[in-house]
Each structure stands twice: as C-alpha cells, then as structure tokens.
C-alpha cells in the first residue's frame, strides 16, 4: 500500500490535525496533504489516510475521526483527538523513523503520550478548560498554533493552506524537540545509574558531562545524594538536586554565606582556591577545576548534614 494523500478537513485548523500531520508527513513524506470536506476525498482508499474528519474511526480503513457519537475513548475514559488516535497507531513507527533505539520506543511512546499528546486531546475535546492554565492560557501550544490562522480579511484562495503549512513547520519543531529531549533523558538514565552505583553511599554524584539526572536518581531510590558535580566547556559545575520534578526546593541548599559571590570573594568565604561563582539562589555554583568543585561539594554536604542533625 502506498499512501499518496493525507486528508484532513479544510477551514480553520487546530492543534490536533496539525500535530497529526507532523507524525504522518514524517512517515509518508511523498504524500500530499489534502484539506477538504468533499465526499470524494473522505471516501476511504488504499492510497490515503483520513484524519480529524469523516465521522468514523476505522483504523483498518485508514480513517481517524473523533467527532462522531460513540467516538473512541482511552482506557482511562479520557477522549482522543485525532492526534491521540494517530499517535496510538503510528507513534511507534514515528519514533523508529526518528532513530529512537528499539528498546526505548515503548517508554518514549508512553511518556510523550502522557505529557504531550493527552493535553492536546483534552483541550480539543473540551475536557479541560483552557482557563485552567491561568494567565498562561493564551500561551499553550494549541493556542499559539491557532494564532497562525489567517485573519478574517485575508481572503485569497491560498491563505488557508499557506497558514496551515506555516503552522505545520512550527508544530513539527516542537514535536521533534520534545522527542529529542525525551530520548536524551533515556540515554542519560543508564549513565546516571552507573554513576550512582559507583558513588555508593557517598553524598556527591559525579557525572562525566552535564545531563538530565533527577529521573535516574529517583528511579534508583538514591535519597542519600545531595549534590551533583560535572564538567562544562571551560569549568566545573556543582548543583543541588530538586526534591520534586515540578518544584524548586532542593534536598540541600549550598551554604548561605556563598550566595551571590564570585571569584576572590567566594574563595575567601569558602576557602577553596578556584571557586568562581555561586548563584544567589544557592542551587548552582562553579569552579575552575574538578578538585575545586568537589571540595566545594564536600563543604556543602558537611553544612547540610550539620543543619540536619542540629549540631
């Protein structure tokens, strides 16, 4: 079967069919996007995939709509949009085509579905109110994509398709970046887990390069770790570990006396030659060398433990 056409509805576009188009155009780059409600295009055929239009959900026939009565629901009862349906059926192929290692495909498919696809599904179906995002409601991805629609008096025949293609390029960038970041976290996980094993009962986790580390720290149950040290381009970084994924509170702050100091001022206070910077928020510091960064980390651990024990 050769897919020659990707058929979605004409008129105003929304995030779900745009994001569906991102997935499908990667898998079927030779196919032409058709935006139409004409019956001849909404008739299933071996040469096309029809989505977000047509009034039917029939994967075997290649039609993925969610507007009809009896539309498909997720296992948890939440509604699908066309994006959710396309991701369900084609997401794994998309990840494989994006060079995601085979042993990471299932985990990445699930995490992207939960964090990226599901919110689009819920918003598109009115299952959550956009106002739930508060002052950021107009800055959600679906809202921003819709600002790319033609304005009311832009009436030339190609305006809709021109706007759709512009929005599609932007939507593609967000999907690809999100997949790239999530794939990197999975690659980092094994490196961090190895480093945790080498650290043993120590409080300072040393990594070979800066990388996402918190998910692996949580997965390993390494509650004893307080700080992370790793090299950067020209220096070394010392950073705290957040208590939760969504908050800013750290397991331990860097010493209060270091906050906001740099270079000789910081060296004088902490007593470590090569100390160069400590953020005023005391969540990150820097040093010229590995030895200096580790020395600062040891001092930070000692102060944190002293506060914990009350000594």
Protein backbone atom coordinates (compact mmCIF):
# COMPACT_ATOMS: atom_id res chain seq x y z
CA UNK A 1 0.00 0.00 0.00
CA UNK A 2 1.38 3.38 -0.99
CA UNK A 3 -0.03 6.38 0.84
CA UNK A 4 -0.31 9.25 -1.63
CA UNK A 5 -2.69 11.53 0.26
CA UNK A 6 -3.07 12.70 3.84
CA UNK A 7 -6.61 14.02 4.06
CA UNK A 8 -7.86 16.34 6.77
CA UNK A 9 -10.58 18.99 6.87
CA UNK A 10 -10.50 22.40 5.24
CA UNK A 11 -11.28 25.64 7.05
CA UNK A 12 -9.87 26.74 10.38
CA UNK A 13 -7.17 24.44 11.71
CA UNK A 14 -6.46 23.23 15.22
CA UNK A 15 -3.54 21.68 17.04
CA UNK A 16 -4.78 18.10 16.75
CA UNK A 17 -4.75 17.79 12.97
CA UNK A 18 -1.59 19.88 12.70
CA UNK A 19 0.24 17.60 15.13
CA UNK A 20 -1.22 14.53 13.43
CA UNK A 21 0.19 15.89 10.18
CA UNK A 22 3.64 16.15 11.78
CA UNK A 23 3.60 12.42 12.50
CA UNK A 24 2.15 11.35 9.17
CA UNK A 25 4.33 13.52 6.93
CA UNK A 26 7.42 12.02 8.57
CA UNK A 27 6.22 8.50 7.81
CA UNK A 28 4.81 9.29 4.37
CA UNK A 29 6.97 12.13 3.03
CA UNK A 30 5.84 11.50 -0.53
CA UNK A 31 2.17 12.03 0.37
CA UNK A 32 0.34 15.27 -0.37
CA UNK A 33 -1.78 16.93 2.30
CA UNK A 34 -5.35 17.48 1.12
CA UNK A 35 -7.52 19.82 3.16
CA UNK A 36 -11.09 19.17 2.07
CA UNK A 37 -14.58 18.13 3.16
CA UNK A 38 -15.52 16.88 -0.31
CA UNK A 39 -17.03 13.40 -0.38
CA UNK A 40 -14.53 12.07 -2.90
CA UNK A 41 -11.67 12.81 -0.52
CA UNK A 42 -13.44 11.45 2.56
CA UNK A 43 -14.04 8.09 0.91
CA UNK A 44 -11.52 5.60 2.35
CA UNK A 45 -8.99 4.14 -0.06
CA UNK A 46 -5.67 2.31 -0.04
CA UNK A 47 -3.91 5.47 -1.18
CA UNK A 48 -4.90 7.72 1.73
CA UNK A 49 -5.15 8.32 5.46
CA UNK A 50 -8.09 10.45 6.59
CA UNK A 51 -7.94 12.17 9.98
CA UNK A 52 -9.94 14.64 12.08
CA UNK A 53 -12.77 14.44 9.57
CA UNK A 54 -15.10 11.84 8.11
CA UNK A 55 -17.24 10.86 11.09
CA UNK A 56 -15.67 7.41 11.55
CA UNK A 57 -12.87 5.77 13.48
CA UNK A 58 -11.77 2.76 11.44
CA UNK A 59 -8.02 2.11 11.56
CA UNK A 60 -8.18 -0.70 9.04
CA UNK A 61 -9.81 1.65 6.54
CA UNK A 62 -7.31 4.39 7.40
CA UNK A 63 -9.80 6.88 8.85
CA UNK A 64 -9.28 8.51 12.24
CA UNK A 65 -12.04 10.89 13.31
CA UNK A 66 -13.22 11.61 16.87
CA UNK A 67 -16.18 13.97 16.40
CA UNK A 68 -18.89 11.34 15.96
CA UNK A 69 -21.17 9.78 18.56
CA UNK A 70 -19.51 6.76 20.08
CA UNK A 71 -16.07 8.19 19.42
CA UNK A 72 -13.19 6.13 20.87
CA UNK A 73 -12.01 6.71 24.42
CA UNK A 74 -8.74 5.94 26.12
CA UNK A 75 -8.62 3.09 28.62
CA UNK A 76 -8.98 5.63 31.45
CA UNK A 77 -12.11 7.12 29.83
CA UNK A 78 -10.46 10.28 28.53
CA UNK A 79 -11.31 11.25 24.93
CA UNK A 80 -8.99 11.03 21.98
CA UNK A 81 -8.49 13.80 19.47
CA UNK A 82 -7.18 12.91 16.04
CA UNK A 83 -3.67 13.47 17.41
CA UNK A 84 -4.18 10.84 20.09
CA UNK A 85 -5.53 8.37 17.55
CA UNK A 86 -2.70 8.95 15.10
CA UNK A 87 -0.13 8.70 17.90
CA UNK A 88 -1.69 5.48 19.13
CA UNK A 89 -1.44 3.84 15.71
CA UNK A 90 1.62 5.49 14.19
CA UNK A 91 3.63 6.88 17.10
CA UNK A 92 5.92 3.87 17.46
CA UNK A 93 6.73 3.95 13.74
CA UNK A 94 7.42 7.67 14.03
CA UNK A 95 9.87 7.07 16.89
CA UNK A 96 11.64 4.33 14.96
CA UNK A 97 11.88 6.66 11.95
CA UNK A 98 13.35 9.28 14.31
CA UNK A 99 16.22 6.90 15.20
CA UNK A 100 14.98 6.18 18.72
CA UNK A 101 16.62 2.90 19.85
CA UNK A 102 14.20 -0.02 19.74
CA UNK A 103 14.49 -0.68 23.47
CA UNK A 104 13.43 2.91 24.23
CA UNK A 105 10.43 3.09 21.88
CA UNK A 106 7.76 1.84 24.28
CA UNK A 107 8.86 4.04 27.19
CA UNK A 108 9.14 7.11 24.99
CA UNK A 109 5.83 6.40 23.27
CA UNK A 110 4.09 6.27 26.66
CA UNK A 111 5.79 9.31 28.18
CA UNK A 112 5.16 11.50 25.13
CA UNK A 113 1.55 10.37 25.06
CA UNK A 114 1.03 11.32 28.70
CA UNK A 115 2.86 14.63 28.72
CA UNK A 116 2.30 15.99 25.20
CA UNK A 117 -0.49 14.16 23.37
CA UNK A 118 -3.06 13.80 26.15
CA UNK A 119 -3.22 17.54 26.99
CA UNK A 120 -3.91 18.29 23.31
CA UNK A 121 -6.63 15.62 23.26
CA UNK A 122 -8.27 17.03 26.39
CA UNK A 123 -8.20 20.64 25.20
CA UNK A 124 -9.50 19.76 21.75
CA UNK A 125 -12.46 17.87 23.22
CA UNK A 126 -13.28 20.49 25.83
CA UNK A 127 -12.46 18.00 28.59
CA UNK A 128 -10.40 20.68 30.31
CA UNK A 129 -11.00 24.41 30.24
CA UNK A 130 -8.18 26.46 28.68
CA UNK A 131 -8.58 28.87 31.58
CA UNK A 132 -7.14 26.17 33.85
CA UNK A 133 -3.75 27.39 32.60
CA UNK A 134 -4.48 30.74 34.25
CA UNK A 135 -2.53 33.72 32.86
CA UNK A 136 -0.66 31.31 30.56
CA UNK A 137 -3.83 30.10 28.82
CA UNK A 138 -3.08 32.07 25.66
CA UNK A 139 0.47 30.70 25.59
CA UNK A 140 -0.30 26.97 25.47
CA UNK A 141 0.87 25.24 22.29
CA UNK A 142 -2.67 24.75 20.90
CA UNK A 143 -3.49 28.41 21.50
CA UNK A 144 -0.27 29.63 19.88
CA UNK A 145 -0.74 27.42 16.82
CA UNK A 146 -4.22 28.80 16.32
CA UNK A 147 -2.89 32.37 16.26
CA UNK A 148 -1.32 31.42 12.91
CA UNK A 149 -4.71 31.15 11.21
CA UNK A 150 -5.40 33.75 8.51
CA UNK A 151 -7.14 36.89 9.72
CA UNK A 152 -10.74 37.50 8.64
CA UNK A 153 -9.97 39.76 5.68
CA UNK A 154 -7.12 37.66 4.27
CA UNK A 155 -9.29 36.20 1.54
CA UNK A 156 -7.03 34.96 -1.23
CA UNK A 157 -7.54 31.32 -2.20
CA UNK A 158 -4.22 30.11 -0.85
CA UNK A 159 -4.35 31.88 2.53
CA UNK A 160 -5.62 28.86 4.49
CA UNK A 161 -3.08 26.43 3.06
CA UNK A 162 -0.25 28.91 3.42
CA UNK A 163 -1.11 29.42 7.09
CA UNK A 164 -1.51 25.68 7.64
CA UNK A 165 1.94 24.97 6.21
CA UNK A 166 3.48 27.71 8.35
CA UNK A 167 1.82 26.30 11.47
CA UNK A 168 2.82 22.76 10.47
CA UNK A 169 6.50 23.72 10.32
CA UNK A 170 6.30 25.24 13.80
CA UNK A 171 4.37 22.27 15.20
CA UNK A 172 6.98 19.95 13.71
CA UNK A 173 9.73 21.80 15.53
CA UNK A 174 8.02 21.36 18.90
CA UNK A 175 7.30 17.66 18.38
CA UNK A 176 10.82 16.88 17.20
CA UNK A 177 12.41 18.88 20.01
CA UNK A 178 10.26 17.17 22.64
CA UNK A 179 11.08 13.72 21.26
CA UNK A 180 14.77 14.62 21.11
CA UNK A 181 14.77 15.80 24.74
CA UNK A 182 12.91 12.74 25.98
CA UNK A 183 15.18 10.39 24.04
CA UNK A 184 18.20 12.12 25.56
CA UNK A 185 16.82 11.60 29.06
CA UNK A 186 16.52 7.89 28.40
CA UNK A 187 20.11 7.75 27.11
CA UNK A 188 21.27 9.70 30.14
CA UNK A 189 19.48 7.39 32.55
CA UNK A 190 21.87 4.48 32.09
CA UNK A 191 24.90 6.77 32.52
CA UNK A 192 23.50 8.26 35.70
CA UNK A 193 22.57 4.86 37.12
CA UNK A 194 26.15 3.67 36.53
CA UNK A 195 27.47 6.77 38.30
CA UNK A 196 25.12 6.22 41.24
CA UNK A 197 26.39 2.67 41.61
CA UNK A 198 30.00 3.91 41.64
CA UNK A 199 29.13 6.58 44.20
CA UNK A 200 27.81 4.05 46.69
CA UNK A 201 26.84 5.71 49.95
CA UNK A 202 28.55 8.99 49.08
CA UNK A 203 26.55 12.20 49.00
CA UNK A 204 28.08 13.67 45.84
CA UNK A 205 27.25 12.29 42.40
CA UNK A 206 29.96 12.95 39.81
CA UNK A 207 28.89 12.76 36.16
CA UNK A 208 31.08 12.76 33.04
CA UNK A 209 29.11 15.60 31.45
CA UNK A 210 26.05 17.69 32.20
CA UNK A 211 22.90 15.66 31.56
CA UNK A 212 19.37 15.12 32.96
CA UNK A 213 19.93 13.26 36.22
CA UNK A 214 16.93 13.57 38.51
CA UNK A 215 14.75 10.82 36.93
CA UNK A 216 17.54 8.27 37.36
CA UNK A 217 18.24 9.43 40.92
CA UNK A 218 14.57 8.91 41.78
CA UNK A 219 14.43 5.58 39.93
CA UNK A 220 17.47 4.32 41.83
CA UNK A 221 15.99 5.44 45.15
CA UNK A 222 19.21 7.33 45.82
CA UNK A 223 17.75 9.52 48.53
CA UNK A 224 21.16 9.97 50.15
CA UNK A 225 22.54 12.05 47.27
CA UNK A 226 22.64 15.79 47.88
CA UNK A 227 24.75 17.36 45.11
CA UNK A 228 25.92 16.70 41.56
CA UNK A 229 29.27 17.68 40.08
CA UNK A 230 30.12 17.61 36.37
CA UNK A 231 32.42 19.34 33.85
CA UNK A 232 31.28 22.08 31.50
CA UNK A 233 33.07 23.57 28.49
CA UNK A 234 35.57 25.59 30.50
CA UNK A 235 34.89 24.88 34.16
CA UNK A 236 33.08 22.56 36.58
CA UNK A 237 29.53 22.82 37.89
CA UNK A 238 28.13 22.00 41.32
CA UNK A 239 24.34 21.78 41.55
CA UNK A 240 21.67 20.71 44.02
CA UNK A 241 19.03 18.03 43.48
CA UNK A 242 15.38 19.11 43.45
CA UNK A 243 13.02 17.33 45.81
CA UNK A 244 10.27 17.09 43.20
CA UNK A 245 10.02 17.29 39.44
CA UNK A 246 7.76 20.35 39.48
CA UNK A 247 9.16 22.28 42.42
CA UNK A 248 12.33 24.23 43.12
CA UNK A 249 13.02 23.11 46.69
CA UNK A 250 16.33 21.28 46.93
CA UNK A 251 17.36 18.35 49.06
CA UNK A 252 20.09 20.69 50.33
CA UNK A 253 20.98 24.29 49.51
CA UNK A 254 24.51 25.48 49.02
CA UNK A 255 25.83 27.42 52.06
CA UNK A 256 24.08 30.71 52.72
CA UNK A 257 27.41 32.53 53.04
CA UNK A 258 28.24 31.70 49.41
CA UNK A 259 25.11 33.12 47.81
CA UNK A 260 25.76 35.77 45.16
CA UNK A 261 29.57 35.71 45.50
CA UNK A 262 32.13 35.30 42.70
CA UNK A 263 35.86 34.76 42.24
CA UNK A 264 38.08 36.08 45.06
CA UNK A 265 35.11 36.97 47.23
CA UNK A 266 33.80 33.42 47.05
CA UNK A 267 37.26 31.92 47.51
CA UNK A 268 37.73 33.97 50.68
CA UNK A 269 34.43 32.82 52.18
CA UNK A 270 34.52 29.13 51.27
CA UNK A 271 38.28 28.68 51.46
CA UNK A 272 38.53 26.84 48.12
CA UNK A 273 41.03 28.13 45.55
CA UNK A 274 39.39 28.11 42.14
CA UNK A 275 35.83 28.74 43.33
CA UNK A 276 34.33 31.18 40.82
CA UNK A 277 30.57 31.57 41.28
CA UNK A 278 27.58 30.79 43.48
CA UNK A 279 24.10 31.78 42.39
CA UNK A 280 22.21 33.96 44.83
CA UNK A 281 19.52 31.24 44.90
CA UNK A 282 22.21 28.78 46.11
CA UNK A 283 21.20 25.99 43.75
CA UNK A 284 24.27 26.12 41.48
CA UNK A 285 27.94 27.03 41.79
CA UNK A 286 31.02 26.81 39.60
CA UNK A 287 34.74 26.25 39.95
CA UNK A 288 37.77 26.25 37.68
CA UNK A 289 38.75 22.63 38.32
CA UNK A 290 37.28 19.26 39.28
CA UNK A 291 39.20 19.33 42.55
CA UNK A 292 37.80 22.74 43.48
CA UNK A 293 34.23 21.71 42.60
CA UNK A 294 34.49 18.54 44.68
CA UNK A 295 35.99 20.48 47.59
CA UNK A 296 33.06 22.91 47.47
CA UNK A 297 30.65 19.99 47.31
CA UNK A 298 32.20 18.39 50.40
CA UNK A 299 31.84 21.66 52.31
CA UNK A 300 28.22 21.97 51.20
CA UNK A 301 27.48 18.40 52.29
CA UNK A 302 29.07 18.98 55.70
CA UNK A 303 26.98 22.10 56.30
CA UNK A 304 23.80 20.44 55.09
CA UNK A 305 24.31 17.45 57.38
CA UNK A 306 25.13 19.74 60.29
CA UNK A 307 21.81 21.53 59.79
CA UNK A 308 20.00 18.20 59.55
CA UNK A 309 21.45 16.85 62.78
CA UNK A 310 21.17 20.20 64.52
CA UNK A 311 24.83 20.22 65.51
